[in-house]
Amino acid sequence: MVLDYAIGFGVGNLFKTCNCGQFMKLELRKLIHERKTRICHVPVYACQACKKYELLPLIKPDLLRYLASISNESRRISVSFADVNESAYVLREVFRTYVDDSMVELQSRCMEAFDDRINMLLDLFRYAQNMGDDDWMRQMEGRLEQLSTIKSLIPENSGHYSR
């Protein structure tokens, strides 16, 4: 496993305690599936003490669907989960620009990034609706659902972020 970026949320549903009793952080990691598929930027809970990790439950269905969609690939592939999951995309983008700001600033940037992405997708949804494109509207609804689910877990007043 290779740690790409990490963020920890101190309260709310993203707070997780490991079986060893230590705090687990939400991190973006590279996962290897069946020795042939490398998937970067996958949100997981990771314990810094015992090194245990587990998938973030909210993204697990998307990851399983994605793995099923590529199950017939015979060649080795390397992909970014941020290309198929909106929440992973937003987190990856925030960390790409995160230098060494304060905890409060990082929290603010995460909230702003989720809000901006949701607003952009809502604009695209309205455009698709005006065009009468039902397939595009369904796609935007799915992407919005991914974002709104995880955004609802980010506590408004937590300063417990870490890199």
Protein backbone atom coordinates (compact mmCIF):
# COMPACT_ATOMS: atom_id res chain seq x y z
CA MET A 1 0.00 0.00 0.00
CA VAL A 2 1.25 3.47 -0.82
CA LEU A 3 -0.07 6.45 1.07
CA ASP A 4 -0.89 9.25 -1.34
CA TYR A 5 -2.64 11.84 0.84
CA ALA A 6 -4.46 11.73 4.14
CA ILE A 7 -7.17 13.64 5.89
CA GLY A 8 -8.67 12.93 9.28
CA PHE A 9 -12.03 14.09 10.53
CA GLY A 10 -12.23 14.42 14.29
CA VAL A 11 -15.97 14.09 14.82
CA GLY A 12 -19.01 12.78 13.02
CA ASN A 13 -19.37 9.57 11.08
CA LEU A 14 -15.93 9.86 9.52
CA PHE A 15 -14.38 9.42 12.95
CA LYS A 16 -13.50 5.78 13.39
CA THR A 17 -11.76 3.98 16.18
CA CYS A 18 -9.66 0.97 15.31
CA ASN A 19 -9.95 -2.34 17.17
CA CYS A 20 -6.61 -1.47 18.75
CA GLY A 21 -8.22 1.65 20.27
CA GLN A 22 -6.38 4.22 18.13
CA PHE A 23 -7.83 6.85 15.80
CA MET A 24 -8.25 5.88 12.15
CA LYS A 25 -7.76 8.58 9.50
CA LEU A 26 -9.47 8.82 6.16
CA GLU A 27 -6.73 8.46 3.55
CA LEU A 28 -6.50 8.14 -0.19
CA ARG A 29 -4.54 4.98 -0.95
CA LYS A 30 -3.46 2.86 -3.84
CA LEU A 31 -5.13 -0.56 -3.82
CA ILE A 32 -4.03 -3.56 -5.84
CA HIS A 33 -6.76 -5.93 -6.95
CA GLU A 34 -5.95 -9.47 -8.12
CA ARG A 35 -2.32 -8.50 -8.72
CA LYS A 36 -3.19 -6.85 -12.02
CA THR A 37 -5.25 -3.77 -11.27
CA ARG A 38 -3.81 -0.77 -9.45
CA ILE A 39 -6.44 1.69 -8.28
CA CYS A 40 -5.14 4.98 -6.89
CA HIS A 41 -6.98 7.54 -4.74
CA VAL A 42 -9.29 5.10 -2.94
CA PRO A 43 -10.69 6.51 0.33
CA VAL A 44 -9.97 4.14 3.22
CA TYR A 45 -9.85 4.30 7.00
CA ALA A 46 -6.29 3.63 8.15
CA CYS A 47 -4.92 3.12 11.63
CA GLN A 48 -1.56 4.76 12.12
CA ALA A 49 -0.74 2.46 15.06
CA CYS A 50 -1.46 -1.08 13.82
CA LYS A 51 -1.57 -0.33 10.05
CA LYS A 52 -5.04 -1.88 9.63
CA TYR A 53 -7.19 -0.33 6.91
CA GLU A 54 -10.72 -0.69 5.60
CA LEU A 55 -12.68 0.86 2.78
CA LEU A 56 -14.84 3.84 3.52
CA PRO A 57 -18.31 2.25 3.58
CA LEU A 58 -19.84 5.02 1.46
CA ILE A 59 -17.56 4.31 -1.50
CA LYS A 60 -17.52 0.52 -1.23
CA PRO A 61 -20.52 -0.02 -3.56
CA ASP A 62 -18.94 2.24 -6.21
CA LEU A 63 -15.61 0.46 -5.94
CA LEU A 64 -17.25 -2.96 -6.22
CA ARG A 65 -19.25 -1.83 -9.28
CA TYR A 66 -16.10 -0.50 -10.85
CA LEU A 67 -14.18 -3.71 -10.17
CA ALA A 68 -17.02 -5.72 -11.71
CA SER A 69 -16.93 -3.51 -14.81
CA ILE A 70 -13.24 -4.23 -15.38
CA SER A 71 -13.26 -7.88 -14.29
CA ASN A 72 -12.83 -9.13 -17.86
CA GLU A 73 -9.63 -7.15 -18.42
CA SER A 74 -6.77 -9.56 -18.97
CA ARG A 75 -4.01 -6.97 -19.06
CA ARG A 76 -2.55 -5.05 -16.15
CA ILE A 77 -4.17 -1.67 -15.66
CA SER A 78 -3.57 1.33 -13.45
CA VAL A 79 -6.44 3.76 -12.84
CA SER A 80 -7.47 6.50 -10.47
CA PHE A 81 -10.66 5.94 -8.49
CA ALA A 82 -11.06 9.72 -8.67
CA ASP A 83 -11.98 9.23 -12.33
CA VAL A 84 -15.08 7.20 -11.39
CA ASN A 85 -16.03 8.53 -7.94
CA GLU A 86 -16.85 12.18 -7.28
CA SER A 87 -15.87 12.18 -3.61
CA ALA A 88 -12.46 10.69 -4.35
CA TYR A 89 -12.06 13.26 -7.13
CA VAL A 90 -12.77 16.22 -4.84
CA LEU A 91 -10.49 14.93 -2.07
CA ARG A 92 -7.69 14.30 -4.57
CA GLU A 93 -8.02 17.82 -5.96
CA VAL A 94 -7.95 19.42 -2.51
CA PHE A 95 -4.81 17.50 -1.59
CA ARG A 96 -3.09 18.38 -4.84
CA THR A 97 -3.23 22.04 -3.86
CA TYR A 98 -2.74 21.58 -0.12
CA VAL A 99 0.69 22.88 0.80
CA ASP A 100 0.83 23.29 4.54
CA ASP A 101 -2.13 25.42 5.50
CA SER A 102 -3.69 25.41 8.93
CA MET A 103 -6.17 22.75 9.97
CA VAL A 104 -8.99 25.28 9.79
CA GLU A 105 -7.93 26.35 6.30
CA LEU A 106 -7.84 22.75 5.07
CA GLN A 107 -11.31 22.13 6.46
CA SER A 108 -12.57 25.25 4.76
CA ARG A 109 -10.96 24.22 1.46
CA CYS A 110 -12.60 20.78 1.63
CA MET A 111 -16.03 22.26 2.29
CA GLU A 112 -15.56 24.81 -0.49
CA ALA A 113 -14.36 22.17 -2.95
CA PHE A 114 -17.37 19.94 -2.25
CA ASP A 115 -19.73 22.92 -2.56
CA ASP A 116 -18.13 24.05 -5.83
CA ARG A 117 -18.32 20.57 -7.34
CA ILE A 118 -21.95 20.15 -6.28
CA ASN A 119 -22.82 23.54 -7.80
CA MET A 120 -21.07 22.64 -11.06
CA LEU A 121 -22.92 19.32 -11.26
CA LEU A 122 -26.24 21.05 -10.50
CA ASP A 123 -25.56 23.45 -13.37
CA LEU A 124 -24.83 20.49 -15.66
CA PHE A 125 -27.99 18.76 -14.45
CA ARG A 126 -30.08 21.86 -15.29
CA TYR A 127 -28.47 22.04 -18.71
CA ALA A 128 -29.16 18.34 -19.34
CA GLN A 129 -32.73 18.89 -18.16
CA ASN A 130 -33.16 21.80 -20.61
CA MET A 131 -31.76 19.58 -23.37
CA GLY A 132 -34.13 16.76 -22.41
CA ASP A 133 -31.20 14.34 -22.02
CA ASP A 134 -32.48 11.80 -19.48
CA ASP A 135 -29.30 9.68 -19.55
CA TRP A 136 -27.12 12.68 -18.76
CA MET A 137 -29.52 13.74 -16.00
CA ARG A 138 -29.29 10.27 -14.40
CA GLN A 139 -25.51 10.42 -14.62
CA MET A 140 -25.46 13.83 -12.89
CA GLU A 141 -27.87 12.57 -10.21
CA GLY A 142 -25.55 9.66 -9.43
CA ARG A 143 -22.53 11.94 -9.21
CA LEU A 144 -24.41 14.40 -7.00
CA GLU A 145 -25.51 11.57 -4.72
CA GLN A 146 -21.89 10.46 -4.24
CA LEU A 147 -20.88 13.98 -3.23
CA SER A 148 -23.80 14.85 -1.02
CA THR A 149 -23.47 11.62 0.94
CA ILE A 150 -19.85 12.15 1.90
CA LYS A 151 -20.17 15.93 2.28
CA SER A 152 -22.88 15.39 4.87
CA LEU A 153 -20.30 13.55 6.99
CA ILE A 154 -17.76 16.39 7.05
CA PRO A 155 -18.32 18.14 10.34
CA GLU A 156 -18.76 21.88 10.04
CA ASN A 157 -16.75 22.68 13.16
CA SER A 158 -13.98 20.10 13.20
CA GLY A 159 -10.40 21.25 13.07
CA HIS A 160 -9.02 17.71 13.19
CA TYR A 161 -7.51 17.43 9.74
CA SER A 162 -4.08 16.08 9.06
CA ARG A 163 -1.81 15.55 6.11
